[in-house]
Amino acid sequence: MAQLRKSFHDRMGDLKQDLGSMGDLARESIQACLELLATGDASLAQQVASLEDEIDRLNMKIEHDGLQLLATQQPMARDLRTIASVLKAVGDIERIGDYSVDMAKQAVLLAGQQHCKPLVDIPHMAALVQDMLRDTLEAFAREDTARGLVAVAKDHEVDAIYRQLHEQLAGFIQAQPELANQAIRLLMIATYLERMADHVTNIGERIYYMVTGELKELHD
């Protein structure tokens, strides 16, 4: 019985490790999008697409392994919540990967253009999202609710930057209509980052549920 229990927890550990790997790929994809936006190197879009393929592969693997544990081990209480939380979190990371692909498409269309404003806000938002994702998944692996709450609190900063950038870009469109196309594409990229932060916040909610059994709303 003890050996079976050890095998079960080893497999649970593998689920969390695969989840962390998925998060690493998502962060790498965001970084490739930033480099594409800054340099106009369209070949980076293929890198983003390849990373998304790997994210999807891990998503399917984790879902298969998690469902197999549910079917064969019939976990109870906290173990059941952990598996359920992993299965929910992979969907959020998969969406982050999708948004990276969307970002890359917009960045390709902006390649070669003189940006209407310095690229400061979008890289700042992206860095916050990457930090949130890394720290939240580390908190998930350690089942550390306090660290998870600290990590997702950065969502407020992401939202504040997004609102400020939205106002600035709207001002550009009114003052210089010829910049409307570019401003809209930059705003779409910022919107994808804002939504990514929301998905990371969802993962933080699952940490709290996994440990306490209570679903805590972390979005305002």
N, C-alpha and C. Protein backbone atom coordinates (compact mmCIF):
# COMPACT_ATOMS: atom_id res chain seq x y z
N MET A 1 0.82 -1.20 0.00
CA MET A 1 0.00 0.00 0.00
C MET A 1 0.87 1.27 0.00
N ALA A 2 1.93 1.24 0.81
CA ALA A 2 2.82 2.41 0.87
C ALA A 2 3.48 2.66 -0.47
N GLN A 3 3.84 1.57 -1.16
CA GLN A 3 4.48 1.71 -2.47
C GLN A 3 3.50 2.28 -3.50
N LEU A 4 2.23 1.83 -3.42
CA LEU A 4 1.22 2.37 -4.32
C LEU A 4 1.01 3.86 -4.08
N ARG A 5 1.01 4.23 -2.80
CA ARG A 5 0.82 5.64 -2.44
C ARG A 5 1.98 6.49 -2.95
N LYS A 6 3.21 5.96 -2.83
CA LYS A 6 4.38 6.68 -3.32
C LYS A 6 4.29 6.85 -4.83
N SER A 7 3.87 5.80 -5.54
CA SER A 7 3.74 5.89 -6.99
C SER A 7 2.71 6.94 -7.36
N PHE A 8 1.61 6.99 -6.62
CA PHE A 8 0.57 7.97 -6.89
C PHE A 8 1.10 9.39 -6.72
N HIS A 9 1.80 9.65 -5.64
CA HIS A 9 2.32 10.99 -5.40
C HIS A 9 3.44 11.35 -6.38
N ASP A 10 4.20 10.35 -6.82
CA ASP A 10 5.20 10.61 -7.85
C ASP A 10 4.52 11.07 -9.14
N ARG A 11 3.42 10.43 -9.49
CA ARG A 11 2.69 10.81 -10.69
C ARG A 11 2.03 12.18 -10.53
N MET A 12 1.60 12.49 -9.33
CA MET A 12 1.08 13.83 -9.07
C MET A 12 2.18 14.87 -9.25
N GLY A 13 3.38 14.53 -8.77
CA GLY A 13 4.52 15.43 -8.95
C GLY A 13 4.85 15.64 -10.41
N ASP A 14 4.71 14.58 -11.20
CA ASP A 14 4.96 14.70 -12.64
C ASP A 14 3.96 15.65 -13.29
N LEU A 15 2.71 15.59 -12.84
CA LEU A 15 1.69 16.50 -13.38
C LEU A 15 2.10 17.95 -13.14
N LYS A 16 2.51 18.25 -11.92
CA LYS A 16 2.91 19.61 -11.59
C LYS A 16 4.16 20.03 -12.37
N GLN A 17 5.08 19.09 -12.54
CA GLN A 17 6.29 19.41 -13.29
C GLN A 17 5.96 19.71 -14.75
N ASP A 18 5.07 18.92 -15.34
CA ASP A 18 4.67 19.19 -16.72
C ASP A 18 3.94 20.53 -16.83
N LEU A 19 3.15 20.85 -15.81
CA LEU A 19 2.47 22.15 -15.79
C LEU A 19 3.49 23.29 -15.78
N GLY A 20 4.53 23.13 -14.96
CA GLY A 20 5.59 24.13 -14.93
C GLY A 20 6.30 24.27 -16.26
N SER A 21 6.52 23.13 -16.94
CA SER A 21 7.16 23.16 -18.26
C SER A 21 6.29 23.89 -19.27
N MET A 22 4.99 23.66 -19.16
CA MET A 22 4.05 24.37 -20.03
C MET A 22 4.16 25.87 -19.82
N GLY A 23 4.25 26.28 -18.56
CA GLY A 23 4.39 27.69 -18.24
C GLY A 23 5.69 28.28 -18.77
N ASP A 24 6.78 27.51 -18.70
CA ASP A 24 8.06 27.98 -19.24
C ASP A 24 7.95 28.24 -20.74
N LEU A 25 7.27 27.34 -21.44
CA LEU A 25 7.08 27.52 -22.88
C LEU A 25 6.25 28.77 -23.18
N ALA A 26 5.23 28.99 -22.36
CA ALA A 26 4.39 30.18 -22.57
C ALA A 26 5.19 31.45 -22.35
N ARG A 27 6.04 31.47 -21.33
CA ARG A 27 6.87 32.65 -21.07
C ARG A 27 7.86 32.86 -22.22
N GLU A 28 8.41 31.77 -22.74
CA GLU A 28 9.34 31.88 -23.87
C GLU A 28 8.63 32.43 -25.10
N SER A 29 7.38 32.02 -25.27
CA SER A 29 6.60 32.49 -26.41
C SER A 29 6.34 34.00 -26.31
N ILE A 30 6.00 34.46 -25.12
CA ILE A 30 5.80 35.90 -24.91
C ILE A 30 7.08 36.67 -25.25
N GLN A 31 8.22 36.13 -24.81
CA GLN A 31 9.50 36.80 -25.06
C GLN A 31 9.79 36.88 -26.56
N ALA A 32 9.49 35.81 -27.28
CA ALA A 32 9.71 35.82 -28.73
C ALA A 32 8.82 36.87 -29.41
N CYS A 33 7.61 37.04 -28.90
CA CYS A 33 6.72 38.07 -29.45
C CYS A 33 7.30 39.47 -29.23
N LEU A 34 7.86 39.69 -28.05
CA LEU A 34 8.47 40.99 -27.77
C LEU A 34 9.64 41.27 -28.71
N GLU A 35 10.47 40.25 -28.94
CA GLU A 35 11.61 40.42 -29.84
C GLU A 35 11.14 40.69 -31.26
N LEU A 36 10.07 40.01 -31.66
CA LEU A 36 9.50 40.24 -32.99
C LEU A 36 8.99 41.68 -33.12
N LEU A 37 8.31 42.15 -32.09
CA LEU A 37 7.78 43.52 -32.12
C LEU A 37 8.91 44.54 -32.18
N ALA A 38 9.99 44.28 -31.44
CA ALA A 38 11.10 45.24 -31.37
C ALA A 38 11.96 45.23 -32.62
N THR A 39 12.15 44.04 -33.22
CA THR A 39 13.10 43.92 -34.32
C THR A 39 12.44 43.82 -35.69
N GLY A 40 11.16 43.42 -35.72
CA GLY A 40 10.50 43.20 -37.00
C GLY A 40 10.93 41.92 -37.69
N ASP A 41 11.63 41.04 -36.97
CA ASP A 41 12.10 39.77 -37.53
C ASP A 41 10.93 38.79 -37.61
N ALA A 42 10.34 38.69 -38.80
CA ALA A 42 9.14 37.87 -38.97
C ALA A 42 9.39 36.39 -38.75
N SER A 43 10.65 35.95 -38.83
CA SER A 43 10.93 34.53 -38.63
C SER A 43 10.61 34.10 -37.20
N LEU A 44 10.55 35.07 -36.28
CA LEU A 44 10.22 34.74 -34.90
C LEU A 44 8.77 34.29 -34.75
N ALA A 45 7.93 34.62 -35.72
CA ALA A 45 6.54 34.17 -35.67
C ALA A 45 6.48 32.64 -35.76
N GLN A 46 7.38 32.05 -36.54
CA GLN A 46 7.42 30.60 -36.63
C GLN A 46 7.86 29.98 -35.31
N GLN A 47 8.78 30.66 -34.63
CA GLN A 47 9.19 30.18 -33.31
C GLN A 47 8.00 30.18 -32.34
N VAL A 48 7.21 31.24 -32.39
CA VAL A 48 6.02 31.31 -31.53
C VAL A 48 5.06 30.18 -31.87
N ALA A 49 4.87 29.93 -33.16
CA ALA A 49 3.96 28.85 -33.58
C ALA A 49 4.47 27.49 -33.11
N SER A 50 5.77 27.29 -33.18
CA SER A 50 6.34 26.01 -32.74
C SER A 50 6.19 25.83 -31.23
N LEU A 51 6.37 26.92 -30.49
CA LEU A 51 6.19 26.86 -29.04
C LEU A 51 4.72 26.55 -28.70
N GLU A 52 3.81 27.12 -29.46
CA GLU A 52 2.39 26.85 -29.24
C GLU A 52 2.07 25.38 -29.49
N ASP A 53 2.70 24.80 -30.51
CA ASP A 53 2.51 23.37 -30.77
C ASP A 53 2.97 22.54 -29.58
N GLU A 54 4.08 22.91 -29.01
CA GLU A 54 4.61 22.17 -27.85
C GLU A 54 3.72 22.38 -26.62
N ILE A 55 3.20 23.59 -26.46
CA ILE A 55 2.25 23.85 -25.37
C ILE A 55 1.01 22.96 -25.53
N ASP A 56 0.51 22.86 -26.75
CA ASP A 56 -0.67 22.03 -27.01
C ASP A 56 -0.36 20.56 -26.73
N ARG A 57 0.84 20.13 -27.08
CA ARG A 57 1.21 18.72 -26.83
C ARG A 57 1.22 18.43 -25.34
N LEU A 58 1.82 19.34 -24.58
CA LEU A 58 1.85 19.14 -23.13
C LEU A 58 0.45 19.22 -22.53
N ASN A 59 -0.36 20.10 -23.07
CA ASN A 59 -1.74 20.21 -22.61
C ASN A 59 -2.45 18.87 -22.72
N MET A 60 -2.33 18.23 -23.87
CA MET A 60 -2.98 16.94 -24.09
C MET A 60 -2.39 15.86 -23.19
N LYS A 61 -1.06 15.89 -22.99
CA LYS A 61 -0.42 14.90 -22.13
C LYS A 61 -0.91 15.03 -20.69
N ILE A 62 -0.96 16.27 -20.20
CA ILE A 62 -1.37 16.50 -18.82
C ILE A 62 -2.83 16.09 -18.64
N GLU A 63 -3.67 16.44 -19.60
CA GLU A 63 -5.07 16.04 -19.50
C GLU A 63 -5.21 14.52 -19.48
N HIS A 64 -4.47 13.84 -20.34
CA HIS A 64 -4.51 12.37 -20.37
C HIS A 64 -4.06 11.79 -19.04
N ASP A 65 -2.91 12.26 -18.55
CA ASP A 65 -2.36 11.72 -17.30
C ASP A 65 -3.27 12.04 -16.11
N GLY A 66 -3.81 13.24 -16.09
CA GLY A 66 -4.68 13.63 -14.99
C GLY A 66 -5.96 12.80 -14.96
N LEU A 67 -6.57 12.63 -16.12
CA LEU A 67 -7.80 11.84 -16.20
C LEU A 67 -7.53 10.38 -15.86
N GLN A 68 -6.37 9.90 -16.25
CA GLN A 68 -6.01 8.52 -15.91
C GLN A 68 -5.87 8.35 -14.41
N LEU A 69 -5.28 9.32 -13.74
CA LEU A 69 -5.18 9.25 -12.28
C LEU A 69 -6.57 9.27 -11.64
N LEU A 70 -7.45 10.11 -12.16
CA LEU A 70 -8.80 10.16 -11.62
C LEU A 70 -9.52 8.82 -11.78
N ALA A 71 -9.31 8.19 -12.94
CA ALA A 71 -10.03 6.96 -13.24
C ALA A 71 -9.47 5.75 -12.49
N THR A 72 -8.16 5.71 -12.31
CA THR A 72 -7.54 4.50 -11.74
C THR A 72 -7.26 4.59 -10.25
N GLN A 73 -7.10 5.80 -9.73
CA GLN A 73 -6.72 5.96 -8.32
C GLN A 73 -7.88 6.43 -7.44
N GLN A 74 -8.90 7.02 -8.06
CA GLN A 74 -10.05 7.54 -7.33
C GLN A 74 -9.62 8.38 -6.11
N PRO A 75 -8.85 9.45 -6.37
CA PRO A 75 -8.34 10.27 -5.27
C PRO A 75 -9.46 10.98 -4.53
N MET A 76 -9.21 11.31 -3.28
CA MET A 76 -10.19 12.00 -2.46
C MET A 76 -9.61 13.31 -1.93
N ALA A 77 -10.50 14.18 -1.49
CA ALA A 77 -10.15 15.41 -0.78
C ALA A 77 -9.08 16.21 -1.52
N ARG A 78 -7.96 16.51 -0.86
CA ARG A 78 -6.96 17.43 -1.42
C ARG A 78 -6.34 16.88 -2.69
N ASP A 79 -6.10 15.58 -2.77
CA ASP A 79 -5.54 15.00 -3.99
C ASP A 79 -6.48 15.22 -5.17
N LEU A 80 -7.77 15.05 -4.93
CA LEU A 80 -8.75 15.26 -5.99
C LEU A 80 -8.75 16.73 -6.42
N ARG A 81 -8.68 17.64 -5.45
CA ARG A 81 -8.65 19.07 -5.78
C ARG A 81 -7.39 19.43 -6.54
N THR A 82 -6.28 18.78 -6.21
CA THR A 82 -5.02 19.07 -6.91
C THR A 82 -5.12 18.69 -8.38
N ILE A 83 -5.61 17.49 -8.64
CA ILE A 83 -5.73 17.05 -10.03
C ILE A 83 -6.70 17.95 -10.79
N ALA A 84 -7.83 18.26 -10.16
CA ALA A 84 -8.81 19.15 -10.81
C ALA A 84 -8.20 20.51 -11.09
N SER A 85 -7.39 21.00 -10.17
CA SER A 85 -6.77 22.32 -10.34
C SER A 85 -5.74 22.30 -11.47
N VAL A 86 -4.98 21.23 -11.57
CA VAL A 86 -4.03 21.10 -12.67
C VAL A 86 -4.76 21.10 -14.01
N LEU A 87 -5.85 20.33 -14.09
CA LEU A 87 -6.60 20.24 -15.34
C LEU A 87 -7.21 21.58 -15.72
N LYS A 88 -7.57 22.38 -14.72
CA LYS A 88 -8.09 23.73 -15.01
C LYS A 88 -6.95 24.66 -15.42
N ALA A 89 -5.81 24.57 -14.76
CA ALA A 89 -4.70 25.48 -15.03
C ALA A 89 -4.12 25.28 -16.43
N VAL A 90 -4.10 24.04 -16.92
CA VAL A 90 -3.54 23.83 -18.26
C VAL A 90 -4.35 24.57 -19.32
N GLY A 91 -5.66 24.68 -19.09
CA GLY A 91 -6.47 25.43 -20.04
C GLY A 91 -6.10 26.90 -20.06
N ASP A 92 -5.78 27.45 -18.88
CA ASP A 92 -5.38 28.86 -18.83
C ASP A 92 -4.04 29.07 -19.53
N ILE A 93 -3.09 28.17 -19.34
CA ILE A 93 -1.79 28.32 -19.99
C ILE A 93 -1.93 28.13 -21.50
N GLU A 94 -2.80 27.20 -21.90
CA GLU A 94 -3.02 27.00 -23.33
C GLU A 94 -3.56 28.27 -23.98
N ARG A 95 -4.44 28.99 -23.27
CA ARG A 95 -4.98 30.24 -23.81
C ARG A 95 -3.88 31.31 -23.89
N ILE A 96 -2.98 31.32 -22.92
CA ILE A 96 -1.85 32.26 -22.98
C ILE A 96 -1.02 31.99 -24.23
N GLY A 97 -0.80 30.71 -24.54
CA GLY A 97 -0.08 30.37 -25.76
C GLY A 97 -0.81 30.84 -27.00
N ASP A 98 -2.14 30.70 -27.00
CA ASP A 98 -2.93 31.18 -28.14
C ASP A 98 -2.79 32.70 -28.31
N TYR A 99 -2.82 33.41 -27.19
CA TYR A 99 -2.68 34.86 -27.26
C TYR A 99 -1.30 35.27 -27.77
N SER A 100 -0.29 34.48 -27.47
CA SER A 100 1.04 34.77 -28.00
C SER A 100 1.05 34.67 -29.52
N VAL A 101 0.38 33.67 -30.05
CA VAL A 101 0.27 33.54 -31.50
C VAL A 101 -0.44 34.76 -32.08
N ASP A 102 -1.50 35.20 -31.42
CA ASP A 102 -2.22 36.40 -31.87
C ASP A 102 -1.32 37.63 -31.82
N MET A 103 -0.53 37.75 -30.76
CA MET A 103 0.42 38.86 -30.65
C MET A 103 1.41 38.84 -31.80
N ALA A 104 1.93 37.67 -32.10
CA ALA A 104 2.92 37.54 -33.16
C ALA A 104 2.35 37.98 -34.51
N LYS A 105 1.09 37.62 -34.76
CA LYS A 105 0.46 38.02 -36.02
C LYS A 105 0.39 39.54 -36.14
N GLN A 106 0.02 40.20 -35.05
CA GLN A 106 -0.04 41.66 -35.07
C GLN A 106 1.35 42.28 -35.21
N ALA A 107 2.33 41.69 -34.55
CA ALA A 107 3.70 42.21 -34.61
C ALA A 107 4.27 42.09 -36.02
N VAL A 108 3.94 41.01 -36.71
CA VAL A 108 4.39 40.84 -38.10
C VAL A 108 3.83 41.97 -38.98
N LEU A 109 2.58 42.31 -38.76
CA LEU A 109 1.94 43.38 -39.55
C LEU A 109 2.52 44.75 -39.24
N LEU A 110 3.15 44.88 -38.07
CA LEU A 110 3.77 46.14 -37.69
C LEU A 110 5.24 46.22 -38.11
N ALA A 111 5.78 45.12 -38.59
CA ALA A 111 7.21 45.07 -38.93
C ALA A 111 7.56 46.14 -39.96
N GLY A 112 8.66 46.84 -39.70
CA GLY A 112 9.15 47.85 -40.63
C GLY A 112 8.54 49.23 -40.43
N GLN A 113 7.58 49.36 -39.52
CA GLN A 113 6.96 50.66 -39.27
C GLN A 113 7.68 51.39 -38.14
N GLN A 114 7.72 52.70 -38.26
CA GLN A 114 8.20 53.54 -37.17
C GLN A 114 7.09 53.63 -36.13
N HIS A 115 7.37 53.16 -34.93
CA HIS A 115 6.32 53.13 -33.92
C HIS A 115 5.91 54.55 -33.50
N CYS A 116 4.62 54.71 -33.28
CA CYS A 116 4.10 56.03 -32.95
C CYS A 116 4.50 56.47 -31.54
N LYS A 117 4.95 55.55 -30.72
CA LYS A 117 5.47 55.88 -29.39
C LYS A 117 6.52 54.84 -29.02
N PRO A 118 7.44 55.19 -28.14
CA PRO A 118 8.47 54.23 -27.74
C PRO A 118 7.84 52.97 -27.15
N LEU A 119 8.47 51.82 -27.42
CA LEU A 119 7.99 50.55 -26.89
C LEU A 119 8.44 50.41 -25.43
N VAL A 120 7.65 50.96 -24.55
CA VAL A 120 7.93 50.90 -23.12
C VAL A 120 6.82 50.16 -22.38
N ASP A 121 5.58 50.57 -22.62
CA ASP A 121 4.46 50.02 -21.87
C ASP A 121 4.23 48.54 -22.16
N ILE A 122 4.25 48.17 -23.44
CA ILE A 122 3.99 46.78 -23.80
C ILE A 122 5.07 45.85 -23.23
N PRO A 123 6.36 46.18 -23.38
CA PRO A 123 7.37 45.32 -22.73
C PRO A 123 7.21 45.25 -21.22
N HIS A 124 6.81 46.37 -20.59
CA HIS A 124 6.59 46.36 -19.14
C HIS A 124 5.44 45.42 -18.79
N MET A 125 4.34 45.50 -19.52
CA MET A 125 3.23 44.58 -19.29
C MET A 125 3.67 43.13 -19.47
N ALA A 126 4.41 42.88 -20.53
CA ALA A 126 4.85 41.51 -20.82
C ALA A 126 5.75 40.97 -19.70
N ALA A 127 6.65 41.82 -19.21
CA ALA A 127 7.54 41.38 -18.12
C ALA A 127 6.74 41.04 -16.87
N LEU A 128 5.72 41.84 -16.59
CA LEU A 128 4.87 41.56 -15.43
C LEU A 128 4.13 40.23 -15.60
N VAL A 129 3.60 40.00 -16.79
CA VAL A 129 2.88 38.74 -17.04
C VAL A 129 3.83 37.56 -16.92
N GLN A 130 5.03 37.69 -17.47
CA GLN A 130 6.00 36.60 -17.36
C GLN A 130 6.37 36.31 -15.90
N ASP A 131 6.57 37.37 -15.13
CA ASP A 131 6.88 37.20 -13.70
C ASP A 131 5.71 36.57 -12.96
N MET A 132 4.51 37.04 -13.25
CA MET A 132 3.31 36.47 -12.63
C MET A 132 3.19 34.98 -12.92
N LEU A 133 3.40 34.62 -14.17
CA LEU A 133 3.26 33.22 -14.57
C LEU A 133 4.31 32.34 -13.88
N ARG A 134 5.55 32.80 -13.89
CA ARG A 134 6.62 32.04 -13.23
C ARG A 134 6.33 31.86 -11.75
N ASP A 135 6.04 32.96 -11.07
CA ASP A 135 5.86 32.91 -9.62
C ASP A 135 4.60 32.13 -9.22
N THR A 136 3.54 32.28 -10.01
CA THR A 136 2.30 31.57 -9.70
C THR A 136 2.47 30.07 -9.86
N LEU A 137 3.17 29.65 -10.89
CA LEU A 137 3.37 28.22 -11.08
C LEU A 137 4.33 27.63 -10.05
N GLU A 138 5.29 28.42 -9.61
CA GLU A 138 6.15 27.95 -8.52
C GLU A 138 5.32 27.81 -7.24
N ALA A 139 4.42 28.76 -7.01
CA ALA A 139 3.53 28.67 -5.85
C ALA A 139 2.61 27.46 -5.98
N PHE A 140 2.16 27.18 -7.19
CA PHE A 140 1.30 26.02 -7.43
C PHE A 140 2.05 24.74 -7.07
N ALA A 141 3.29 24.62 -7.55
CA ALA A 141 4.07 23.41 -7.29
C ALA A 141 4.29 23.20 -5.80
N ARG A 142 4.44 24.29 -5.05
CA ARG A 142 4.70 24.21 -3.62
C ARG A 142 3.42 24.31 -2.78
N GLU A 143 2.29 24.49 -3.47
CA GLU A 143 1.00 24.66 -2.78
C GLU A 143 1.07 25.78 -1.75
N ASP A 144 1.64 26.90 -2.20
CA ASP A 144 1.89 28.06 -1.34
C ASP A 144 0.88 29.15 -1.68
N THR A 145 -0.19 29.22 -0.92
CA THR A 145 -1.25 30.19 -1.24
C THR A 145 -0.77 31.62 -1.08
N ALA A 146 0.04 31.90 -0.07
CA ALA A 146 0.49 33.27 0.18
C ALA A 146 1.31 33.78 -1.00
N ARG A 147 2.23 32.96 -1.48
CA ARG A 147 3.05 33.37 -2.62
C ARG A 147 2.20 33.51 -3.87
N GLY A 148 1.22 32.65 -4.02
CA GLY A 148 0.33 32.76 -5.17
C GLY A 148 -0.44 34.07 -5.17
N LEU A 149 -0.91 34.49 -4.00
CA LEU A 149 -1.65 35.74 -3.89
C LEU A 149 -0.76 36.93 -4.20
N VAL A 150 0.48 36.90 -3.76
CA VAL A 150 1.43 37.98 -4.04
C VAL A 150 1.69 38.07 -5.54
N ALA A 151 1.84 36.90 -6.18
CA ALA A 151 2.15 36.88 -7.61
C ALA A 151 1.02 37.48 -8.43
N VAL A 152 -0.21 37.06 -8.16
CA VAL A 152 -1.32 37.52 -8.99
C VAL A 152 -1.73 38.95 -8.67
N ALA A 153 -1.24 39.49 -7.55
CA ALA A 153 -1.55 40.89 -7.22
C ALA A 153 -1.00 41.85 -8.27
N LYS A 154 -0.01 41.39 -9.05
CA LYS A 154 0.55 42.24 -10.11
C LYS A 154 -0.44 42.47 -11.24
N ASP A 155 -1.54 41.72 -11.23
CA ASP A 155 -2.57 41.94 -12.24
C ASP A 155 -3.09 43.37 -12.19
N HIS A 156 -3.13 43.96 -11.00
CA HIS A 156 -3.58 45.35 -10.86
C HIS A 156 -2.66 46.29 -11.63
N GLU A 157 -1.35 46.03 -11.57
CA GLU A 157 -0.39 46.87 -12.27
C GLU A 157 -0.53 46.71 -13.78
N VAL A 158 -0.74 45.48 -14.22
CA VAL A 158 -0.97 45.23 -15.64
C VAL A 158 -2.20 46.01 -16.12
N ASP A 159 -3.27 45.94 -15.35
CA ASP A 159 -4.50 46.66 -15.72
C ASP A 159 -4.28 48.16 -15.79
N ALA A 160 -3.51 48.69 -14.83
CA ALA A 160 -3.27 50.14 -14.81
C ALA A 160 -2.48 50.58 -16.04
N ILE A 161 -1.47 49.82 -16.40
CA ILE A 161 -0.68 50.16 -17.60
C ILE A 161 -1.56 50.07 -18.84
N TYR A 162 -2.40 49.05 -18.89
CA TYR A 162 -3.29 48.88 -20.04
C TYR A 162 -4.23 50.07 -20.20
N ARG A 163 -4.82 50.50 -19.10
CA ARG A 163 -5.73 51.65 -19.18
C ARG A 163 -5.01 52.90 -19.64
N GLN A 164 -3.81 53.13 -19.13
CA GLN A 164 -3.04 54.30 -19.53
C GLN A 164 -2.68 54.23 -21.02
N LEU A 165 -2.25 53.06 -21.47
CA LEU A 165 -1.87 52.90 -22.87
C LEU A 165 -3.08 53.06 -23.78
N HIS A 166 -4.21 52.55 -23.34
CA HIS A 166 -5.44 52.69 -24.12
C HIS A 166 -5.76 54.17 -24.35
N GLU A 167 -5.64 54.97 -23.31
CA GLU A 167 -5.92 56.40 -23.43
C GLU A 167 -4.93 57.08 -24.37
N GLN A 168 -3.65 56.71 -24.24
CA GLN A 168 -2.63 57.32 -25.09
C GLN A 168 -2.86 56.99 -26.57
N LEU A 169 -3.14 55.72 -26.84
CA LEU A 169 -3.32 55.31 -28.23
C LEU A 169 -4.60 55.90 -28.81
N ALA A 170 -5.63 56.02 -27.99
CA ALA A 170 -6.86 56.68 -28.45
C ALA A 170 -6.57 58.13 -28.82
N GLY A 171 -5.69 58.77 -28.04
CA GLY A 171 -5.29 60.14 -28.34
C GLY A 171 -4.55 60.24 -29.65
N PHE A 172 -3.68 59.29 -29.95
CA PHE A 172 -2.97 59.27 -31.22
C PHE A 172 -3.95 59.16 -32.38
N ILE A 173 -4.95 58.30 -32.22
CA ILE A 173 -5.92 58.08 -33.29
C ILE A 173 -6.70 59.37 -33.58
N GLN A 174 -7.07 60.09 -32.53
CA GLN A 174 -7.82 61.34 -32.71
C GLN A 174 -6.96 62.43 -33.33
N ALA A 175 -5.70 62.51 -32.87
CA ALA A 175 -4.83 63.59 -33.34
C ALA A 175 -4.23 63.30 -34.71
N GLN A 176 -3.92 62.03 -34.96
CA GLN A 176 -3.27 61.65 -36.22
C GLN A 176 -3.97 60.40 -36.77
N PRO A 177 -5.08 60.58 -37.47
CA PRO A 177 -5.84 59.43 -37.97
C PRO A 177 -5.02 58.48 -38.83
N GLU A 178 -3.97 58.99 -39.45
CA GLU A 178 -3.14 58.12 -40.29
C GLU A 178 -2.42 57.05 -39.47
N LEU A 179 -2.34 57.26 -38.14
CA LEU A 179 -1.70 56.28 -37.26
C LEU A 179 -2.69 55.28 -36.67
N ALA A 180 -3.94 55.38 -37.08
CA ALA A 180 -4.98 54.56 -36.46
C ALA A 180 -4.70 53.06 -36.60
N ASN A 181 -4.27 52.65 -37.79
CA ASN A 181 -4.03 51.22 -38.01
C ASN A 181 -2.98 50.69 -37.04
N GLN A 182 -1.86 51.41 -36.96
CA GLN A 182 -0.79 50.98 -36.06
C GLN A 182 -1.23 51.02 -34.60
N ALA A 183 -1.91 52.10 -34.21
CA ALA A 183 -2.33 52.24 -32.83
C ALA A 183 -3.28 51.11 -32.43
N ILE A 184 -4.16 50.73 -33.33
CA ILE A 184 -5.10 49.64 -33.04
C ILE A 184 -4.37 48.32 -32.87
N ARG A 185 -3.36 48.08 -33.71
CA ARG A 185 -2.60 46.84 -33.58
C ARG A 185 -1.82 46.79 -32.27
N LEU A 186 -1.24 47.92 -31.87
CA LEU A 186 -0.54 47.96 -30.59
C LEU A 186 -1.52 47.74 -29.43
N LEU A 187 -2.70 48.32 -29.57
CA LEU A 187 -3.70 48.14 -28.52
C LEU A 187 -4.16 46.69 -28.44
N MET A 188 -4.26 46.02 -29.57
CA MET A 188 -4.63 44.61 -29.56
C MET A 188 -3.58 43.77 -28.85
N ILE A 189 -2.31 44.08 -29.09
CA ILE A 189 -1.23 43.37 -28.40
C ILE A 189 -1.34 43.58 -26.89
N ALA A 190 -1.58 44.84 -26.49
CA ALA A 190 -1.73 45.13 -25.07
C ALA A 190 -2.94 44.39 -24.48
N THR A 191 -4.01 44.29 -25.26
CA THR A 191 -5.20 43.58 -24.80
C THR A 191 -4.91 42.10 -24.57
N TYR A 192 -4.14 41.50 -25.47
CA TYR A 192 -3.77 40.09 -25.29
C TYR A 192 -2.98 39.91 -24.00
N LEU A 193 -2.07 40.84 -23.71
CA LEU A 193 -1.28 40.74 -22.48
C LEU A 193 -2.17 40.90 -21.24
N GLU A 194 -3.12 41.82 -21.31
CA GLU A 194 -4.03 42.02 -20.19
C GLU A 194 -4.84 40.76 -19.93
N ARG A 195 -5.26 40.09 -20.99
CA ARG A 195 -6.02 38.85 -20.83
C ARG A 195 -5.15 37.72 -20.31
N MET A 196 -3.89 37.70 -20.73
CA MET A 196 -2.96 36.70 -20.18
C MET A 196 -2.87 36.82 -18.66
N ALA A 197 -2.76 38.06 -18.19
CA ALA A 197 -2.68 38.29 -16.75
C ALA A 197 -3.93 37.76 -16.04
N ASP A 198 -5.08 37.91 -16.67
CA ASP A 198 -6.31 37.37 -16.10
C ASP A 198 -6.25 35.85 -15.99
N HIS A 199 -5.68 35.21 -17.00
CA HIS A 199 -5.57 33.75 -16.95
C HIS A 199 -4.59 33.30 -15.85
N VAL A 200 -3.52 34.06 -15.65
CA VAL A 200 -2.62 33.73 -14.56
C VAL A 200 -3.35 33.87 -13.22
N THR A 201 -4.19 34.89 -13.11
CA THR A 201 -4.97 35.08 -11.90
C THR A 201 -5.89 33.88 -11.65
N ASN A 202 -6.45 33.33 -12.72
CA ASN A 202 -7.26 32.12 -12.59
C ASN A 202 -6.46 30.99 -11.94
N ILE A 203 -5.20 30.86 -12.36
CA ILE A 203 -4.35 29.80 -11.79
C ILE A 203 -4.14 30.05 -10.30
N GLY A 204 -3.95 31.33 -9.93
CA GLY A 204 -3.81 31.66 -8.52
C GLY A 204 -5.04 31.26 -7.72
N GLU A 205 -6.21 31.41 -8.31
CA GLU A 205 -7.44 31.00 -7.63
C GLU A 205 -7.46 29.50 -7.40
N ARG A 206 -6.90 28.74 -8.35
CA ARG A 206 -6.89 27.29 -8.20
C ARG A 206 -5.92 26.85 -7.10
N ILE A 207 -4.85 27.62 -6.88
CA ILE A 207 -3.95 27.30 -5.76
C ILE A 207 -4.72 27.38 -4.45
N TYR A 208 -5.47 28.45 -4.31
CA TYR A 208 -6.22 28.66 -3.07
C TYR A 208 -7.25 27.54 -2.89
N TYR A 209 -7.92 27.18 -3.98
CA TYR A 209 -8.90 26.09 -3.91
C TYR A 209 -8.23 24.76 -3.59
N MET A 210 -7.10 24.50 -4.23
CA MET A 210 -6.40 23.24 -4.03
C MET A 210 -6.03 23.04 -2.56
N VAL A 211 -5.58 24.09 -1.91
CA VAL A 211 -5.11 23.98 -0.53
C VAL A 211 -6.25 24.05 0.47
N THR A 212 -7.21 24.93 0.25
CA THR A 212 -8.24 25.19 1.27
C THR A 212 -9.59 24.55 0.96
N GLY A 213 -9.84 24.21 -0.30
CA GLY A 213 -11.15 23.72 -0.69
C GLY A 213 -12.15 24.82 -0.94
N GLU A 214 -11.70 26.08 -0.89
CA GLU A 214 -12.57 27.24 -1.09
C GLU A 214 -12.20 27.93 -2.39
N LEU A 215 -13.21 28.23 -3.20
CA LEU A 215 -12.98 29.00 -4.42
C LEU A 215 -13.00 30.48 -4.07
N LYS A 216 -11.85 31.13 -4.23
CA LYS A 216 -11.70 32.54 -3.88
C LYS A 216 -11.56 33.37 -5.14
N GLU A 217 -12.44 34.33 -5.32
CA GLU A 217 -12.41 35.22 -6.48
C GLU A 217 -11.31 36.25 -6.31
N LEU A 218 -10.33 36.24 -7.23
CA LEU A 218 -9.20 37.17 -7.13
C LEU A 218 -9.31 38.32 -8.13
N HIS A 219 -10.25 38.22 -9.06
CA HIS A 219 -10.48 39.33 -10.01
C HIS A 219 -11.34 40.39 -9.32
N ASP A 220 -11.07 41.66 -9.63
CA ASP A 220 -11.94 42.74 -9.15
C ASP A 220 -13.21 42.76 -9.98
